[in-house]
N, C-alpha and C. Protein backbone atom coordinates (compact mmCIF):
# COMPACT_ATOMS: atom_id res chain seq x y z
N MET A 1 31.67 10.17 18.24
CA MET A 1 32.08 9.89 16.89
C MET A 1 30.94 9.17 16.16
N ARG A 2 30.63 9.64 14.99
CA ARG A 2 29.59 9.02 14.17
C ARG A 2 30.22 7.99 13.25
N TYR A 3 29.49 6.89 13.07
CA TYR A 3 29.95 5.84 12.18
C TYR A 3 29.15 5.90 10.89
N SER A 4 29.80 5.50 9.79
CA SER A 4 29.13 5.50 8.50
C SER A 4 28.09 4.37 8.45
N LYS A 5 27.18 4.47 7.49
CA LYS A 5 26.18 3.42 7.30
C LYS A 5 26.86 2.10 6.98
N GLU A 6 27.94 2.15 6.22
CA GLU A 6 28.66 0.93 5.86
C GLU A 6 29.26 0.28 7.11
N HIS A 7 29.84 1.09 7.99
CA HIS A 7 30.41 0.55 9.23
C HIS A 7 29.31 -0.08 10.09
N LYS A 8 28.19 0.59 10.18
CA LYS A 8 27.08 0.04 10.98
C LYS A 8 26.58 -1.27 10.38
N ALA A 9 26.51 -1.34 9.05
CA ALA A 9 26.06 -2.56 8.38
C ALA A 9 27.06 -3.70 8.61
N ARG A 10 28.36 -3.39 8.53
CA ARG A 10 29.38 -4.42 8.79
C ARG A 10 29.32 -4.90 10.24
N THR A 11 29.12 -3.95 11.16
CA THR A 11 29.01 -4.31 12.58
C THR A 11 27.79 -5.20 12.80
N ARG A 12 26.68 -4.85 12.20
CA ARG A 12 25.45 -5.65 12.34
C ARG A 12 25.69 -7.06 11.81
N ARG A 13 26.30 -7.18 10.62
CA ARG A 13 26.57 -8.50 10.05
C ARG A 13 27.51 -9.30 10.95
N ALA A 14 28.55 -8.64 11.47
CA ALA A 14 29.49 -9.32 12.37
C ALA A 14 28.78 -9.80 13.63
N LEU A 15 27.87 -9.00 14.14
CA LEU A 15 27.11 -9.40 15.33
C LEU A 15 26.19 -10.59 15.05
N ILE A 16 25.52 -10.57 13.92
CA ILE A 16 24.64 -11.69 13.56
C ILE A 16 25.45 -12.96 13.41
N ASP A 17 26.58 -12.87 12.71
CA ASP A 17 27.42 -14.05 12.51
C ASP A 17 27.98 -14.57 13.83
N ALA A 18 28.49 -13.66 14.66
CA ALA A 18 29.05 -14.07 15.96
C ALA A 18 27.96 -14.64 16.86
N ALA A 19 26.81 -13.99 16.90
CA ALA A 19 25.71 -14.47 17.73
C ALA A 19 25.23 -15.83 17.25
N GLY A 20 25.17 -16.02 15.94
CA GLY A 20 24.77 -17.31 15.40
C GLY A 20 25.67 -18.42 15.90
N ARG A 21 26.97 -18.18 15.88
CA ARG A 21 27.92 -19.18 16.35
C ARG A 21 27.77 -19.39 17.86
N VAL A 22 27.71 -18.30 18.62
CA VAL A 22 27.60 -18.40 20.08
C VAL A 22 26.32 -19.12 20.47
N PHE A 23 25.20 -18.77 19.87
CA PHE A 23 23.92 -19.41 20.20
C PHE A 23 23.92 -20.88 19.79
N ARG A 24 24.46 -21.19 18.60
CA ARG A 24 24.48 -22.59 18.18
C ARG A 24 25.40 -23.43 19.07
N GLU A 25 26.46 -22.84 19.59
CA GLU A 25 27.36 -23.58 20.47
C GLU A 25 26.84 -23.71 21.89
N ASN A 26 26.13 -22.69 22.38
CA ASN A 26 25.76 -22.63 23.80
C ASN A 26 24.27 -22.57 24.08
N GLY A 27 23.45 -22.50 23.05
CA GLY A 27 22.02 -22.30 23.23
C GLY A 27 21.73 -20.83 23.51
N GLU A 28 20.47 -20.48 23.42
CA GLU A 28 20.11 -19.07 23.65
C GLU A 28 20.45 -18.64 25.07
N ALA A 29 20.12 -19.47 26.05
CA ALA A 29 20.37 -19.10 27.45
C ALA A 29 21.87 -19.01 27.75
N GLY A 30 22.67 -19.84 27.10
CA GLY A 30 24.11 -19.85 27.36
C GLY A 30 24.89 -18.82 26.56
N GLY A 31 24.22 -18.14 25.67
CA GLY A 31 24.90 -17.15 24.83
C GLY A 31 24.50 -15.75 25.23
N GLY A 32 25.23 -15.17 26.14
CA GLY A 32 24.90 -13.83 26.61
C GLY A 32 25.41 -12.74 25.70
N VAL A 33 24.92 -11.53 25.94
CA VAL A 33 25.31 -10.37 25.14
C VAL A 33 26.81 -10.14 25.21
N ASP A 34 27.41 -10.30 26.39
CA ASP A 34 28.85 -10.08 26.52
C ASP A 34 29.64 -11.07 25.67
N ALA A 35 29.21 -12.33 25.65
CA ALA A 35 29.89 -13.35 24.84
C ALA A 35 29.76 -13.03 23.35
N VAL A 36 28.59 -12.59 22.94
CA VAL A 36 28.38 -12.23 21.53
C VAL A 36 29.24 -11.03 21.16
N ALA A 37 29.26 -10.02 22.01
CA ALA A 37 30.06 -8.82 21.74
C ALA A 37 31.54 -9.19 21.63
N ALA A 38 32.02 -10.00 22.55
CA ALA A 38 33.42 -10.41 22.53
C ALA A 38 33.74 -11.18 21.25
N ALA A 39 32.85 -12.08 20.85
CA ALA A 39 33.07 -12.87 19.64
C ALA A 39 33.07 -11.99 18.40
N ALA A 40 32.31 -10.91 18.42
CA ALA A 40 32.25 -9.99 17.27
C ALA A 40 33.32 -8.91 17.33
N GLY A 41 34.01 -8.81 18.48
CA GLY A 41 35.05 -7.80 18.62
C GLY A 41 34.50 -6.40 18.82
N VAL A 42 33.34 -6.30 19.47
CA VAL A 42 32.73 -5.00 19.75
C VAL A 42 32.34 -4.95 21.23
N THR A 43 31.80 -3.83 21.65
CA THR A 43 31.34 -3.70 23.03
C THR A 43 29.90 -4.20 23.14
N SER A 44 29.49 -4.49 24.36
CA SER A 44 28.09 -4.88 24.59
C SER A 44 27.14 -3.77 24.17
N GLY A 45 27.57 -2.54 24.32
CA GLY A 45 26.74 -1.41 23.91
C GLY A 45 26.39 -1.47 22.43
N ALA A 46 27.33 -1.96 21.62
CA ALA A 46 27.05 -2.08 20.18
C ALA A 46 25.92 -3.06 19.91
N VAL A 47 25.87 -4.12 20.71
CA VAL A 47 24.79 -5.10 20.55
C VAL A 47 23.45 -4.43 20.83
N TYR A 48 23.39 -3.70 21.93
CA TYR A 48 22.13 -3.04 22.30
C TYR A 48 21.76 -1.94 21.32
N ARG A 49 22.76 -1.22 20.80
CA ARG A 49 22.46 -0.17 19.81
C ARG A 49 21.89 -0.78 18.53
N GLN A 50 22.42 -1.93 18.14
CA GLN A 50 21.97 -2.55 16.89
C GLN A 50 20.63 -3.28 17.04
N PHE A 51 20.41 -3.92 18.21
CA PHE A 51 19.26 -4.81 18.34
C PHE A 51 18.31 -4.45 19.49
N GLY A 52 18.74 -3.64 20.41
CA GLY A 52 17.87 -3.24 21.51
C GLY A 52 17.82 -4.24 22.64
N ALA A 53 17.75 -5.53 22.34
CA ALA A 53 17.65 -6.56 23.37
C ALA A 53 18.16 -7.88 22.80
N LYS A 54 18.57 -8.75 23.69
CA LYS A 54 19.07 -10.07 23.28
C LYS A 54 18.00 -10.84 22.51
N GLU A 55 16.75 -10.72 22.90
CA GLU A 55 15.66 -11.43 22.22
C GLU A 55 15.57 -11.04 20.75
N ALA A 56 15.74 -9.75 20.48
CA ALA A 56 15.69 -9.29 19.09
C ALA A 56 16.89 -9.81 18.30
N LEU A 57 18.04 -9.90 18.95
CA LEU A 57 19.22 -10.46 18.30
C LEU A 57 18.98 -11.94 18.00
N PHE A 58 18.44 -12.68 18.95
CA PHE A 58 18.16 -14.10 18.75
C PHE A 58 17.18 -14.30 17.60
N GLU A 59 16.13 -13.50 17.57
CA GLU A 59 15.15 -13.58 16.49
C GLU A 59 15.82 -13.32 15.13
N THR A 60 16.72 -12.35 15.08
CA THR A 60 17.44 -12.03 13.85
C THR A 60 18.34 -13.18 13.43
N VAL A 61 19.00 -13.80 14.41
CA VAL A 61 19.85 -14.96 14.12
C VAL A 61 19.03 -16.10 13.55
N ILE A 62 17.85 -16.34 14.12
CA ILE A 62 16.98 -17.40 13.62
C ILE A 62 16.56 -17.10 12.18
N ALA A 63 16.11 -15.89 11.92
CA ALA A 63 15.69 -15.52 10.56
C ALA A 63 16.86 -15.66 9.58
N ASP A 64 18.03 -15.22 9.98
CA ASP A 64 19.22 -15.32 9.13
C ASP A 64 19.58 -16.78 8.87
N GLY A 65 19.57 -17.60 9.90
CA GLY A 65 19.89 -19.02 9.74
C GLY A 65 18.90 -19.74 8.85
N MET A 66 17.63 -19.40 8.98
CA MET A 66 16.62 -20.04 8.13
C MET A 66 16.74 -19.56 6.68
N ASP A 67 17.12 -18.29 6.49
CA ASP A 67 17.39 -17.80 5.14
C ASP A 67 18.54 -18.58 4.51
N ARG A 68 19.58 -18.82 5.32
CA ARG A 68 20.73 -19.58 4.82
C ARG A 68 20.33 -21.01 4.45
N LEU A 69 19.47 -21.61 5.26
CA LEU A 69 19.00 -22.96 4.97
C LEU A 69 18.25 -22.98 3.64
N ALA A 70 17.33 -22.07 3.45
CA ALA A 70 16.56 -22.02 2.19
C ALA A 70 17.47 -21.77 1.00
N SER A 71 18.46 -20.91 1.16
CA SER A 71 19.41 -20.63 0.07
C SER A 71 20.26 -21.86 -0.24
N PHE A 72 20.72 -22.56 0.80
CA PHE A 72 21.50 -23.78 0.60
C PHE A 72 20.68 -24.82 -0.16
N LEU A 73 19.43 -25.01 0.26
CA LEU A 73 18.58 -25.99 -0.41
C LEU A 73 18.28 -25.59 -1.85
N ALA A 74 18.06 -24.30 -2.08
CA ALA A 74 17.79 -23.83 -3.44
C ALA A 74 19.00 -24.06 -4.34
N ALA A 75 20.20 -23.80 -3.84
CA ALA A 75 21.41 -24.05 -4.63
C ALA A 75 21.57 -25.54 -4.90
N ALA A 76 21.28 -26.37 -3.92
CA ALA A 76 21.38 -27.82 -4.10
C ALA A 76 20.37 -28.30 -5.14
N ARG A 77 19.17 -27.73 -5.12
CA ARG A 77 18.10 -28.14 -6.05
C ARG A 77 18.43 -27.81 -7.50
N ASP A 78 19.40 -26.96 -7.74
CA ASP A 78 19.78 -26.61 -9.10
C ASP A 78 20.48 -27.75 -9.84
N LYS A 79 20.83 -28.80 -9.13
CA LYS A 79 21.52 -29.93 -9.75
C LYS A 79 20.52 -30.83 -10.46
N ASP A 80 21.02 -31.56 -11.44
CA ASP A 80 20.17 -32.46 -12.22
C ASP A 80 19.71 -33.66 -11.40
N GLY A 81 18.52 -34.12 -11.69
CA GLY A 81 17.99 -35.33 -11.09
C GLY A 81 17.95 -35.29 -9.57
N ASP A 82 18.27 -36.45 -8.98
CA ASP A 82 18.24 -36.57 -7.52
C ASP A 82 19.61 -36.37 -6.89
N ALA A 83 20.59 -35.94 -7.66
CA ALA A 83 21.94 -35.73 -7.10
C ALA A 83 21.90 -34.72 -5.96
N TRP A 84 20.97 -33.81 -6.01
CA TRP A 84 20.89 -32.78 -4.97
C TRP A 84 20.57 -33.40 -3.61
N ILE A 85 19.75 -34.45 -3.59
CA ILE A 85 19.40 -35.08 -2.32
C ILE A 85 20.67 -35.68 -1.70
N ARG A 86 21.47 -36.34 -2.51
CA ARG A 86 22.72 -36.92 -2.02
C ARG A 86 23.62 -35.83 -1.47
N ASP A 87 23.72 -34.72 -2.17
CA ASP A 87 24.58 -33.62 -1.71
C ASP A 87 24.11 -33.05 -0.38
N VAL A 88 22.79 -32.89 -0.23
CA VAL A 88 22.24 -32.37 1.02
C VAL A 88 22.52 -33.34 2.17
N ILE A 89 22.26 -34.61 1.95
CA ILE A 89 22.51 -35.62 2.99
C ILE A 89 23.99 -35.68 3.32
N ASP A 90 24.85 -35.70 2.29
CA ASP A 90 26.30 -35.77 2.52
C ASP A 90 26.79 -34.56 3.32
N TYR A 91 26.24 -33.39 3.04
CA TYR A 91 26.63 -32.21 3.80
C TYR A 91 26.18 -32.32 5.26
N TYR A 92 24.90 -32.56 5.46
CA TYR A 92 24.35 -32.56 6.82
C TYR A 92 24.96 -33.62 7.71
N VAL A 93 25.13 -34.82 7.19
CA VAL A 93 25.61 -35.92 8.00
C VAL A 93 27.12 -36.13 7.79
N GLY A 94 27.74 -35.24 7.04
CA GLY A 94 29.17 -35.33 6.82
C GLY A 94 29.96 -34.88 8.04
N PRO A 95 31.23 -35.30 8.11
CA PRO A 95 32.04 -35.01 9.29
C PRO A 95 32.25 -33.52 9.56
N SER A 96 32.34 -32.69 8.52
CA SER A 96 32.58 -31.27 8.78
C SER A 96 31.36 -30.60 9.42
N HIS A 97 30.16 -30.93 8.97
CA HIS A 97 28.96 -30.33 9.55
C HIS A 97 28.69 -30.89 10.94
N VAL A 98 28.80 -32.20 11.08
CA VAL A 98 28.56 -32.83 12.39
C VAL A 98 29.58 -32.30 13.40
N GLY A 99 30.81 -32.08 12.98
CA GLY A 99 31.87 -31.63 13.88
C GLY A 99 31.89 -30.15 14.17
N ASP A 100 31.02 -29.37 13.55
CA ASP A 100 31.06 -27.91 13.73
C ASP A 100 29.67 -27.38 14.05
N ALA A 101 29.22 -27.63 15.28
CA ALA A 101 27.89 -27.17 15.68
C ALA A 101 27.76 -25.65 15.55
N GLY A 102 28.80 -24.94 15.90
CA GLY A 102 28.74 -23.47 15.85
C GLY A 102 28.66 -22.90 14.45
N GLY A 103 29.20 -23.63 13.47
CA GLY A 103 29.20 -23.13 12.10
C GLY A 103 28.19 -23.79 11.21
N GLY A 104 27.44 -24.74 11.75
CA GLY A 104 26.49 -25.49 10.93
C GLY A 104 25.10 -24.90 10.94
N CYS A 105 24.19 -25.67 10.42
CA CYS A 105 22.78 -25.29 10.35
C CYS A 105 22.20 -25.16 11.76
N LEU A 106 21.29 -24.24 11.93
CA LEU A 106 20.71 -24.03 13.26
C LEU A 106 19.62 -25.04 13.61
N LEU A 107 19.11 -25.79 12.65
CA LEU A 107 18.04 -26.74 12.97
C LEU A 107 18.44 -27.71 14.08
N PRO A 108 19.60 -28.40 13.98
CA PRO A 108 19.92 -29.36 15.04
C PRO A 108 20.35 -28.73 16.36
N THR A 109 20.74 -27.47 16.33
CA THR A 109 21.26 -26.86 17.55
C THR A 109 20.25 -25.97 18.27
N LEU A 110 19.35 -25.35 17.55
CA LEU A 110 18.49 -24.35 18.18
C LEU A 110 16.99 -24.66 18.12
N SER A 111 16.60 -25.76 17.52
CA SER A 111 15.17 -26.08 17.44
C SER A 111 14.55 -26.21 18.82
N LEU A 112 15.24 -26.82 19.75
CA LEU A 112 14.70 -26.95 21.10
C LEU A 112 14.57 -25.59 21.78
N ASP A 113 15.56 -24.71 21.57
CA ASP A 113 15.47 -23.35 22.11
C ASP A 113 14.25 -22.62 21.55
N ILE A 114 13.97 -22.84 20.28
CA ILE A 114 12.81 -22.21 19.64
C ILE A 114 11.53 -22.67 20.33
N SER A 115 11.46 -23.96 20.64
CA SER A 115 10.24 -24.47 21.26
C SER A 115 9.99 -23.88 22.63
N ARG A 116 11.04 -23.39 23.28
CA ARG A 116 10.91 -22.79 24.61
C ARG A 116 10.88 -21.27 24.55
N GLY A 117 11.14 -20.71 23.37
CA GLY A 117 11.36 -19.28 23.26
C GLY A 117 10.12 -18.45 23.05
N ASP A 118 10.38 -17.23 22.65
CA ASP A 118 9.29 -16.28 22.45
C ASP A 118 8.69 -16.42 21.06
N ASP A 119 7.56 -15.75 20.87
CA ASP A 119 6.83 -15.87 19.62
C ASP A 119 7.58 -15.29 18.43
N GLY A 120 8.37 -14.25 18.63
CA GLY A 120 9.10 -13.65 17.51
C GLY A 120 10.09 -14.63 16.91
N ALA A 121 10.85 -15.31 17.75
CA ALA A 121 11.81 -16.30 17.25
C ALA A 121 11.08 -17.48 16.62
N ARG A 122 9.99 -17.90 17.24
CA ARG A 122 9.21 -19.02 16.68
C ARG A 122 8.62 -18.64 15.33
N ASP A 123 8.12 -17.43 15.20
CA ASP A 123 7.58 -16.98 13.92
C ASP A 123 8.66 -16.97 12.84
N ALA A 124 9.86 -16.48 13.18
CA ALA A 124 10.97 -16.47 12.22
C ALA A 124 11.34 -17.89 11.81
N TYR A 125 11.36 -18.79 12.77
CA TYR A 125 11.67 -20.19 12.51
C TYR A 125 10.60 -20.81 11.61
N ASN A 126 9.34 -20.62 11.95
CA ASN A 126 8.25 -21.20 11.16
C ASN A 126 8.23 -20.65 9.74
N ASP A 127 8.45 -19.35 9.59
CA ASP A 127 8.51 -18.75 8.25
C ASP A 127 9.65 -19.37 7.44
N GLY A 128 10.81 -19.49 8.07
CA GLY A 128 11.96 -20.07 7.39
C GLY A 128 11.76 -21.53 7.05
N LEU A 129 11.15 -22.27 7.95
CA LEU A 129 10.87 -23.68 7.69
C LEU A 129 9.90 -23.83 6.52
N ALA A 130 8.91 -22.98 6.46
CA ALA A 130 7.97 -23.01 5.34
C ALA A 130 8.69 -22.71 4.02
N ARG A 131 9.63 -21.77 4.04
CA ARG A 131 10.40 -21.46 2.83
C ARG A 131 11.28 -22.64 2.42
N ALA A 132 11.91 -23.29 3.40
CA ALA A 132 12.77 -24.44 3.11
C ALA A 132 11.94 -25.57 2.49
N ILE A 133 10.79 -25.83 3.06
CA ILE A 133 9.91 -26.87 2.52
C ILE A 133 9.43 -26.49 1.13
N ALA A 134 9.14 -25.22 0.92
CA ALA A 134 8.71 -24.76 -0.41
C ALA A 134 9.80 -24.99 -1.45
N VAL A 135 11.05 -24.78 -1.07
CA VAL A 135 12.16 -25.04 -1.99
C VAL A 135 12.20 -26.52 -2.36
N LEU A 136 12.01 -27.38 -1.38
CA LEU A 136 12.06 -28.83 -1.62
C LEU A 136 10.87 -29.33 -2.43
N THR A 137 9.75 -28.64 -2.35
CA THR A 137 8.55 -29.08 -3.08
C THR A 137 8.44 -28.43 -4.46
N ASP A 138 9.23 -27.42 -4.72
CA ASP A 138 9.19 -26.70 -5.99
C ASP A 138 9.65 -27.62 -7.12
N ASP A 139 8.89 -27.70 -8.20
CA ASP A 139 9.25 -28.58 -9.30
C ASP A 139 9.81 -27.84 -10.51
N ARG A 140 10.15 -26.58 -10.35
CA ARG A 140 10.71 -25.82 -11.47
C ARG A 140 12.10 -26.31 -11.86
N THR A 141 12.87 -26.85 -10.90
CA THR A 141 14.23 -27.29 -11.19
C THR A 141 14.34 -28.82 -11.24
N GLY A 142 13.23 -29.49 -11.29
CA GLY A 142 13.20 -30.95 -11.28
C GLY A 142 12.03 -31.38 -10.43
N PRO A 143 11.81 -32.67 -10.37
CA PRO A 143 10.66 -33.13 -9.58
C PRO A 143 10.79 -32.71 -8.12
N GLY A 144 9.79 -32.00 -7.64
CA GLY A 144 9.78 -31.60 -6.24
C GLY A 144 9.24 -32.72 -5.37
N MET A 145 9.54 -32.64 -4.10
CA MET A 145 9.03 -33.63 -3.14
C MET A 145 7.63 -33.23 -2.71
N ALA A 146 6.85 -34.20 -2.29
CA ALA A 146 5.59 -33.88 -1.65
C ALA A 146 5.92 -33.21 -0.31
N GLU A 147 5.06 -32.32 0.13
CA GLU A 147 5.34 -31.56 1.35
C GLU A 147 5.64 -32.44 2.57
N PRO A 148 4.86 -33.51 2.81
CA PRO A 148 5.21 -34.35 3.97
C PRO A 148 6.58 -35.00 3.84
N ARG A 149 6.96 -35.38 2.62
CA ARG A 149 8.28 -35.99 2.41
C ARG A 149 9.39 -34.96 2.62
N ALA A 150 9.17 -33.73 2.20
CA ALA A 150 10.16 -32.67 2.41
C ALA A 150 10.36 -32.42 3.91
N ALA A 151 9.27 -32.35 4.65
CA ALA A 151 9.37 -32.18 6.10
C ALA A 151 10.06 -33.38 6.74
N HIS A 152 9.77 -34.58 6.22
CA HIS A 152 10.40 -35.80 6.72
C HIS A 152 11.90 -35.77 6.48
N LEU A 153 12.33 -35.31 5.31
CA LEU A 153 13.76 -35.20 5.02
C LEU A 153 14.43 -34.27 6.02
N LEU A 154 13.86 -33.10 6.24
CA LEU A 154 14.46 -32.15 7.18
C LEU A 154 14.50 -32.72 8.60
N ALA A 155 13.42 -33.36 9.02
CA ALA A 155 13.38 -33.94 10.36
C ALA A 155 14.39 -35.08 10.48
N SER A 156 14.53 -35.87 9.45
CA SER A 156 15.49 -36.98 9.48
C SER A 156 16.92 -36.46 9.53
N LEU A 157 17.22 -35.41 8.77
CA LEU A 157 18.56 -34.81 8.81
C LEU A 157 18.85 -34.24 10.20
N LEU A 158 17.88 -33.55 10.74
CA LEU A 158 18.02 -32.96 12.08
C LEU A 158 18.33 -34.06 13.10
N GLY A 159 17.55 -35.12 13.10
CA GLY A 159 17.75 -36.21 14.05
C GLY A 159 19.10 -36.91 13.85
N ALA A 160 19.49 -37.13 12.60
CA ALA A 160 20.77 -37.79 12.33
C ALA A 160 21.94 -36.96 12.85
N VAL A 161 21.88 -35.65 12.64
CA VAL A 161 22.97 -34.79 13.12
C VAL A 161 23.01 -34.79 14.64
N ILE A 162 21.86 -34.70 15.28
CA ILE A 162 21.83 -34.70 16.75
C ILE A 162 22.44 -35.99 17.29
N LEU A 163 22.04 -37.15 16.75
CA LEU A 163 22.58 -38.42 17.23
C LEU A 163 24.08 -38.52 16.96
N ALA A 164 24.51 -38.13 15.78
CA ALA A 164 25.93 -38.21 15.44
C ALA A 164 26.76 -37.30 16.34
N ARG A 165 26.27 -36.10 16.61
CA ARG A 165 27.01 -35.19 17.50
C ARG A 165 27.03 -35.70 18.93
N ALA A 166 25.89 -36.19 19.39
CA ALA A 166 25.80 -36.62 20.78
C ALA A 166 26.68 -37.83 21.06
N THR A 167 26.75 -38.75 20.10
CA THR A 167 27.53 -39.97 20.34
C THR A 167 29.00 -39.82 19.96
N GLY A 168 29.28 -38.94 19.01
CA GLY A 168 30.65 -38.82 18.51
C GLY A 168 31.12 -40.07 17.79
N ASP A 169 30.20 -40.90 17.39
CA ASP A 169 30.50 -42.20 16.78
C ASP A 169 30.47 -42.07 15.26
N ASP A 170 31.65 -42.10 14.63
CA ASP A 170 31.73 -41.97 13.18
C ASP A 170 31.04 -43.12 12.47
N GLY A 171 31.07 -44.32 13.06
CA GLY A 171 30.39 -45.46 12.46
C GLY A 171 28.89 -45.25 12.42
N LEU A 172 28.33 -44.75 13.51
CA LEU A 172 26.90 -44.45 13.54
C LEU A 172 26.57 -43.36 12.53
N ARG A 173 27.41 -42.33 12.46
CA ARG A 173 27.19 -41.25 11.50
C ARG A 173 27.16 -41.81 10.08
N ASP A 174 28.10 -42.68 9.76
CA ASP A 174 28.13 -43.28 8.42
C ASP A 174 26.90 -44.15 8.17
N ASP A 175 26.48 -44.91 9.19
CA ASP A 175 25.28 -45.74 9.04
C ASP A 175 24.04 -44.88 8.83
N LEU A 176 23.94 -43.79 9.56
CA LEU A 176 22.80 -42.88 9.39
C LEU A 176 22.79 -42.28 7.99
N ARG A 177 23.96 -41.89 7.51
CA ARG A 177 24.07 -41.34 6.16
C ARG A 177 23.58 -42.36 5.13
N LYS A 178 24.05 -43.59 5.23
CA LYS A 178 23.64 -44.64 4.28
C LYS A 178 22.13 -44.89 4.35
N ALA A 179 21.59 -44.91 5.56
CA ALA A 179 20.15 -45.13 5.71
C ALA A 179 19.35 -43.99 5.09
N LEU A 180 19.81 -42.76 5.27
CA LEU A 180 19.12 -41.61 4.68
C LEU A 180 19.20 -41.67 3.16
N LEU A 181 20.37 -42.00 2.64
CA LEU A 181 20.52 -42.10 1.18
C LEU A 181 19.57 -43.15 0.61
N ALA A 182 19.47 -44.30 1.28
CA ALA A 182 18.57 -45.35 0.82
C ALA A 182 17.10 -44.92 0.95
N GLN A 183 16.76 -44.31 2.09
CA GLN A 183 15.39 -43.93 2.33
C GLN A 183 14.89 -42.89 1.34
N PHE A 184 15.77 -41.95 0.96
CA PHE A 184 15.33 -40.86 0.09
C PHE A 184 15.76 -41.08 -1.37
N GLY A 185 16.13 -42.32 -1.70
CA GLY A 185 16.39 -42.67 -3.10
C GLY A 185 17.58 -42.00 -3.71
N ALA A 186 18.64 -41.80 -2.93
CA ALA A 186 19.81 -41.10 -3.45
C ALA A 186 21.07 -41.94 -3.25
N GLU A 187 20.92 -43.25 -3.29
CA GLU A 187 22.09 -44.10 -3.08
C GLU A 187 23.11 -43.83 -4.18
N PRO A 188 24.40 -43.80 -3.78
CA PRO A 188 25.44 -43.50 -4.80
C PRO A 188 25.57 -44.61 -5.83
């Protein structure tokens, strides 16, 4: 039976979304093709037909996640003044993001996997990180950050989420949020 282009595109999107969740929850090594297929509601054969290999799927997930990060930051930057910084910090260190590793940003969950992974995934990550930093430094929608400060913001958010998730301590999460707001000039 032949499937339409639309069906194949929907299946591909479902696989990317399911794999993103599985990889963010379990890491690349803990997220096998069978788990991804089950999460997407398809057979393992569909994964191989769409991507050829798990490595290609992981690389696609990384590129997709980094695209989402750049889009999120670009939408946040559309706000007046420095309100966008507060919104970004509130989202990242907020209880819904900290409590949902599988549905959140891939930076706090998969950066270590990237450092151990293959060049394709690392290239996708580096390209996406450069785009995210470019969004933060762009001054078309307001004063942009200097590049080192933009990288510092992302690294600080990543570290805060990791600590908050690892400890499960809401008080620490709130303290980290307040410290980030003060450090990046976005105190309420």
